[in-house]
Every structure is written in C-alpha cells, then in structure tokens.
Amino acid sequence: METFGLRGARASDVVRSALVWSGLAGVVLVAVPPMLLGYPLVLVDPNRALADSYLRTLGRALVGLNPHWKVTVEGREHLEHGGPYVIVVNHQSLVDLLAMCFLHHPVKYLGKQSVFDVPVFGWALRVAGEIPVERGSRTSGSRARERISAWLERGVSVAIFPEGTRSDDGSMGRFKLGAFELAIATGRPIVPVVLAGARDLLPKRTVVFARDAHVRVRVLPPSPTAGLTAADAGELASDVRARMQAALDVMEGGGP
C-alpha cells in the first residue's frame, strides 16, 4: 500500500507538511487564475517575460511560507553576459524549480508532460512558455527540441535536467546527451547550475517536508560550445558533470 513516505514520520512533521501543501495549493489557486486571464498579453509580450517573472515571484513567495527554509544563490554573475544559455541543473527534489526561482534569470524549462497535465498549475506552465516532453516518445522529444531551439533563437535561456529523474540517494546520476547536443547545434554556452540541500527539504517518494532546510544554488562558469561538433557532446557532458559533481561535493561537505 502506498504510504507517500509517511511511515516513520513524526505526527508534527505530517501536520506541518499538510499545512504547507495546503498553503501551496491555496497560493496556486488564488495566484494562477489571473495569469491565465492575462494570456492575451502574449500578443505584446511574445517572450512571456511577464508570465515568467510572475511565476518566479510566486515561487519565491511559496518558499517564504516557512521562515525556517532558506535559499542562497552564488555565481549569478555568470548569467549576466553572453546569453542566452543552455542551463543544465542537477535534479534533487520536486522543490528544485522553487530554488531556481531565486536566480532572477528569465528561463524556460523542459519538464515532464505529466506535470503539464495538472489542472491550473500545468496550464500556467503552458502560458509561461515552459516546454513539455513525454518520456520515451520520439515525436514529443523532437517537438520539444524545436521549441527549445526557438526560444534560444529569440534570446531566451532554457534549462534542462540532464539526469532525467531524481536519484534515490541524492547522488548525481548519469547525464543524457540531449542538452549538450542542442547547445552545440545552436552554438550556445552551457551554464551548469548545482543544487544542494533540496533533497533534504523534500526527499524522493515522500510528501513530508523538513522543518528546517537550507538550499544552496551555485552557478558555475559557462562552458563554451563554439567550434564543437556533435561528436564532442559526450566529452562536453562528461566535463560539465565532473565540474558539477566537484561543486556538489564541496557544497554538501559544508565548504565555501
């Protein structure tokens, strides 16, 4: 029987998490409908910058529901010049996207189709121009690639989780090559972003939030793709993953 990670959890943690989930749902139900009603703004805001800014503000507000949660960002300066970028992020938790809202950098995300099917919230993602993909579907993957390329051509950065899914133990999984092939094909730099602490806030296969959490977001220097070919995608992915793993090891070890 599915326990949603409740087994072994303290009653106080379950009650607190229920209140947090209720607050999240309430904020979404109250804050998202105005965004949907404002959809005609895409006629004057084709890059969906207003919708993107609105969602990032909403994400930061959701984190603020618990004063014991903290998000710190390092290395924002690596996103200030030379964009748009293909941003690659390690995947730790469902709260990864909330942490990314603190980057203050307009970006479109590649996400699972199932998330876009969620009423209200999924509709808001579509209005903001986020990109759905159905795992295992070549047609969906091809369509997503076209949309990502289109955003990059318009000067908008895109973010991809190259592991594809969260790990059970928090370790960084094997990187798929799609993001790196795309960056090479479009000539855009890869910017690695490393998350630490998100798994502690909400581990996989549970709905119980931690009372205290410090999520750290570190932006690493870009990896240029100029002059590279598709044959270089594997080496590029390996290099970027090694840099991200080294940063993650330091961050989780309490280092600067």
Protein backbone atom coordinates (compact mmCIF):
# COMPACT_ATOMS: atom_id res chain seq x y z
CA MET A 1 0.00 0.00 0.00
CA GLU A 2 1.31 3.47 -0.91
CA THR A 3 2.27 5.41 2.21
CA PHE A 4 3.60 8.56 0.46
CA GLY A 5 6.64 8.46 2.73
CA LEU A 6 4.56 8.87 5.89
CA ARG A 7 5.83 5.73 7.59
CA GLY A 8 8.19 6.66 10.42
CA ALA A 9 7.42 10.37 10.14
CA ARG A 10 6.57 12.25 13.33
CA ALA A 11 3.00 13.44 13.72
CA SER A 12 4.21 17.04 13.99
CA ASP A 13 6.08 16.71 10.67
CA VAL A 14 3.00 15.28 8.96
CA VAL A 15 0.74 18.05 10.28
CA ARG A 16 3.22 20.75 9.33
CA SER A 17 3.63 19.27 5.83
CA ALA A 18 -0.13 19.08 5.39
CA LEU A 19 -0.34 22.78 6.21
CA VAL A 20 2.46 23.57 3.75
CA TRP A 21 0.80 21.57 0.96
CA SER A 22 -2.49 23.31 1.71
CA GLY A 23 -0.74 26.65 1.55
CA LEU A 24 0.90 25.75 -1.75
CA ALA A 25 -2.43 24.69 -3.21
CA GLY A 26 -4.11 27.83 -1.91
CA VAL A 27 -1.47 30.13 -3.39
CA VAL A 28 -1.66 28.37 -6.75
CA LEU A 29 -5.46 28.51 -6.85
CA VAL A 30 -5.51 32.19 -5.93
CA ALA A 31 -2.49 33.45 -7.84
CA VAL A 32 -2.54 31.44 -11.08
CA PRO A 33 -6.02 32.31 -12.48
CA PRO A 34 -5.08 36.00 -13.02
CA MET A 35 -2.12 34.75 -15.03
CA LEU A 36 -4.40 32.63 -17.21
CA LEU A 37 -6.76 35.56 -17.74
CA GLY A 38 -3.75 37.62 -18.80
CA TYR A 39 -2.84 35.19 -21.57
CA PRO A 40 -3.68 37.75 -24.32
CA LEU A 41 -0.60 39.67 -23.11
CA VAL A 42 1.48 37.27 -25.22
CA LEU A 43 0.47 39.45 -28.18
CA VAL A 44 2.61 42.26 -26.76
CA ASP A 45 4.98 40.05 -24.74
CA PRO A 46 5.87 37.18 -27.11
CA ASN A 47 8.78 36.01 -24.93
CA ARG A 48 6.35 35.54 -22.00
CA ALA A 49 8.68 37.63 -19.82
CA LEU A 50 5.81 38.90 -17.66
CA ALA A 51 4.45 35.41 -17.07
CA ASP A 52 7.95 34.13 -16.35
CA SER A 53 8.62 36.91 -13.83
CA TYR A 54 5.22 36.29 -12.23
CA LEU A 55 5.92 32.58 -11.75
CA ARG A 56 9.38 33.25 -10.31
CA THR A 57 7.90 35.74 -7.85
CA LEU A 58 5.25 33.20 -6.93
CA GLY A 59 7.92 30.53 -6.38
CA ARG A 60 9.87 32.75 -4.02
CA ALA A 61 6.67 33.53 -2.14
CA LEU A 62 5.95 29.81 -1.72
CA VAL A 63 9.38 29.27 -0.16
CA GLY A 64 8.62 32.17 2.16
CA LEU A 65 5.69 30.24 3.64
CA ASN A 66 8.13 28.67 6.08
CA PRO A 67 10.60 31.04 7.78
CA HIS A 68 12.83 28.05 8.56
CA TRP A 69 13.54 27.49 4.85
CA LYS A 70 16.44 29.35 3.31
CA VAL A 71 17.68 29.60 -0.28
CA THR A 72 21.03 31.18 -1.12
CA VAL A 73 22.44 31.74 -4.60
CA GLU A 74 26.09 32.07 -5.62
CA GLY A 75 27.52 32.96 -9.02
CA ARG A 76 24.64 34.93 -10.55
CA GLU A 77 27.26 36.98 -12.41
CA HIS A 78 27.85 34.01 -14.74
CA LEU A 79 24.38 34.60 -16.21
CA GLU A 80 24.76 38.32 -16.81
CA HIS A 81 26.59 38.38 -20.16
CA GLY A 82 26.73 36.26 -23.30
CA GLY A 83 23.30 34.62 -23.19
CA PRO A 84 21.02 33.03 -24.00
CA TYR A 85 22.29 29.88 -22.36
CA VAL A 86 21.51 26.20 -22.18
CA ILE A 87 21.38 25.77 -18.39
CA VAL A 88 21.89 22.27 -17.01
CA VAL A 89 20.79 21.53 -13.44
CA ASN A 90 21.22 18.50 -11.19
CA HIS A 91 17.89 17.03 -10.10
CA GLN A 92 17.41 16.52 -6.36
CA SER A 93 13.78 17.12 -5.48
CA LEU A 94 10.38 18.40 -6.53
CA VAL A 95 11.38 21.72 -4.98
CA ASP A 96 14.26 22.24 -7.44
CA LEU A 97 12.16 24.61 -9.53
CA LEU A 98 11.31 26.70 -6.48
CA ALA A 99 15.01 27.08 -5.71
CA MET A 100 15.69 28.08 -9.33
CA CYS A 101 13.22 30.97 -8.95
CA PHE A 102 15.91 32.73 -6.91
CA LEU A 103 18.24 33.01 -9.91
CA HIS A 104 16.38 36.10 -11.16
CA HIS A 105 17.16 34.99 -14.72
CA PRO A 106 14.38 34.50 -17.31
CA VAL A 107 14.42 30.89 -18.41
CA LYS A 108 12.13 28.28 -19.95
CA TYR A 109 12.16 24.77 -18.52
CA LEU A 110 11.93 21.37 -20.12
CA GLY A 111 9.63 19.25 -17.95
CA LYS A 112 7.67 16.02 -17.89
CA GLN A 113 4.35 16.00 -19.70
CA SER A 114 2.59 14.72 -16.56
CA VAL A 115 3.34 17.97 -14.73
CA PHE A 116 1.71 19.96 -17.52
CA ASP A 117 -1.41 17.82 -17.19
CA VAL A 118 -2.04 19.06 -13.63
CA PRO A 119 -5.09 21.36 -13.68
CA VAL A 120 -4.43 25.07 -13.12
CA PHE A 121 -0.70 24.67 -12.40
CA GLY A 122 0.01 22.89 -15.68
CA TRP A 123 -1.99 25.49 -17.56
CA ALA A 124 0.14 28.24 -16.01
CA LEU A 125 3.30 26.48 -17.17
CA ARG A 126 1.99 26.48 -20.72
CA VAL A 127 1.09 30.18 -20.55
CA ALA A 128 4.62 30.92 -19.36
CA GLY A 129 6.04 29.04 -22.35
CA GLU A 130 7.58 26.11 -20.50
CA ILE A 131 8.28 23.04 -22.63
CA PRO A 132 6.61 19.64 -22.03
CA VAL A 133 8.12 16.36 -23.14
CA GLU A 134 6.76 12.83 -22.89
CA ARG A 135 9.45 10.42 -21.84
CA GLY A 136 10.11 7.71 -24.42
CA SER A 137 8.28 9.49 -27.23
CA ARG A 138 10.45 10.45 -30.19
CA THR A 139 7.73 12.69 -31.57
CA SER A 140 7.40 14.58 -28.30
CA GLY A 141 11.18 14.79 -27.97
CA SER A 142 11.56 16.20 -31.47
CA ARG A 143 8.81 18.76 -30.84
CA ALA A 144 10.43 19.80 -27.55
CA ARG A 145 13.79 20.21 -29.24
CA GLU A 146 12.24 22.51 -31.84
CA ARG A 147 10.63 24.64 -29.12
CA ILE A 148 13.88 24.86 -27.16
CA SER A 149 15.74 25.96 -30.29
CA ALA A 150 13.07 28.56 -30.99
CA TRP A 151 13.41 30.07 -27.50
CA LEU A 152 17.18 30.24 -27.86
CA GLU A 153 16.82 31.98 -31.22
CA ARG A 154 14.58 34.54 -29.52
CA GLY A 155 17.27 35.21 -26.93
CA VAL A 156 15.68 33.28 -24.05
CA SER A 157 17.69 30.80 -21.98
CA VAL A 158 16.41 27.25 -21.45
CA ALA A 159 17.02 24.89 -18.51
CA ILE A 160 17.28 21.11 -18.69
CA PHE A 161 17.79 18.44 -16.02
CA PRO A 162 20.21 16.12 -17.87
CA GLU A 163 19.80 13.27 -15.37
CA GLY A 164 16.17 12.99 -16.43
CA THR A 165 14.99 11.89 -12.98
CA ARG A 166 15.84 12.27 -9.32
CA SER A 167 18.11 9.72 -7.65
CA ASP A 168 17.04 7.84 -4.54
CA ASP A 169 20.20 8.61 -2.55
CA GLY A 170 20.93 12.15 -3.72
CA SER A 171 23.93 11.18 -5.86
CA MET A 172 24.26 12.77 -9.28
CA GLY A 173 23.08 10.42 -11.99
CA ARG A 174 24.38 9.81 -15.48
CA PHE A 175 23.86 12.73 -17.87
CA LYS A 176 21.90 12.27 -21.06
CA LEU A 177 23.44 13.99 -24.08
CA GLY A 178 20.38 15.86 -25.41
CA ALA A 179 21.13 19.20 -23.72
CA PHE A 180 24.75 19.13 -24.85
CA GLU A 181 23.93 18.17 -28.43
CA LEU A 182 21.41 21.00 -28.52
CA ALA A 183 23.88 23.54 -27.12
CA ILE A 184 26.47 22.54 -29.73
CA ALA A 185 23.92 22.63 -32.57
CA THR A 186 22.77 26.14 -31.60
CA GLY A 187 26.21 27.42 -30.62
CA ARG A 188 25.03 28.45 -27.15
CA PRO A 189 27.18 28.15 -24.00
CA ILE A 190 26.33 25.55 -21.35
CA VAL A 191 25.88 27.05 -17.87
CA PRO A 192 25.94 24.44 -15.08
CA VAL A 193 23.81 25.11 -12.01
CA VAL A 194 24.34 22.96 -8.92
CA LEU A 195 21.67 22.47 -6.26
CA ALA A 196 22.47 21.22 -2.76
CA GLY A 197 20.03 20.72 0.10
CA ALA A 198 16.87 20.41 -1.99
CA ARG A 199 16.69 16.69 -1.31
CA ASP A 200 16.83 17.39 2.43
CA LEU A 201 13.82 19.67 2.12
CA LEU A 202 11.67 17.10 0.29
CA PRO A 203 13.23 13.68 -0.38
CA LYS A 204 12.02 11.44 -3.19
CA ARG A 205 8.94 9.29 -2.53
CA THR A 206 7.67 11.37 0.36
CA VAL A 207 5.32 14.30 0.84
CA VAL A 208 6.74 15.21 4.24
CA PHE A 209 8.73 18.46 4.23
CA ALA A 210 11.65 19.07 6.55
CA ARG A 211 11.06 21.73 9.18
CA ASP A 212 14.46 23.33 8.57
CA ALA A 213 16.27 23.44 5.25
CA HIS A 214 18.99 25.42 3.55
CA VAL A 215 19.00 25.02 -0.22
CA ARG A 216 22.13 26.31 -1.96
CA VAL A 217 22.19 27.23 -5.64
CA ARG A 218 25.59 27.68 -7.28
CA VAL A 219 26.02 28.92 -10.86
CA LEU A 220 29.30 27.73 -12.39
CA PRO A 221 31.23 29.48 -15.19
CA PRO A 222 29.89 28.75 -18.69
CA SER A 223 31.31 26.04 -20.93
CA PRO A 224 31.58 27.44 -24.49
CA THR A 225 30.46 25.30 -27.41
CA ALA A 226 31.90 27.35 -30.29
CA GLY A 227 33.84 25.12 -32.65
CA LEU A 228 32.46 21.88 -31.22
CA THR A 229 30.64 19.24 -33.27
CA ALA A 230 28.04 16.63 -32.36
CA ALA A 231 30.89 14.15 -31.83
CA ASP A 232 32.09 16.29 -28.91
CA ALA A 233 28.79 16.08 -26.97
CA GLY A 234 29.88 13.13 -24.85
CA GLU A 235 33.15 14.75 -23.78
CA LEU A 236 31.37 18.05 -23.07
CA ALA A 237 28.77 16.28 -20.92
CA SER A 238 31.50 14.41 -19.04
CA ASP A 239 33.43 17.61 -18.36
CA VAL A 240 30.37 19.53 -17.20
CA ARG A 241 29.22 16.68 -14.98
CA ALA A 242 32.68 16.44 -13.39
CA ARG A 243 32.63 20.16 -12.58
CA MET A 244 29.13 19.92 -11.13
CA GLN A 245 29.99 16.84 -9.07
CA ALA A 246 33.08 18.57 -7.65
CA ALA A 247 31.00 21.61 -6.69
CA LEU A 248 28.26 19.43 -5.17
CA ASP A 249 30.81 17.53 -3.08
CA VAL A 250 32.14 20.79 -1.66
CA MET A 251 28.67 22.25 -1.05
CA GLU A 252 27.36 19.15 0.71
CA GLY A 253 30.55 18.93 2.71
CA GLY A 254 29.91 22.39 4.10
CA GLY A 255 32.63 24.03 2.04
CA PRO A 256 32.54 27.54 0.55
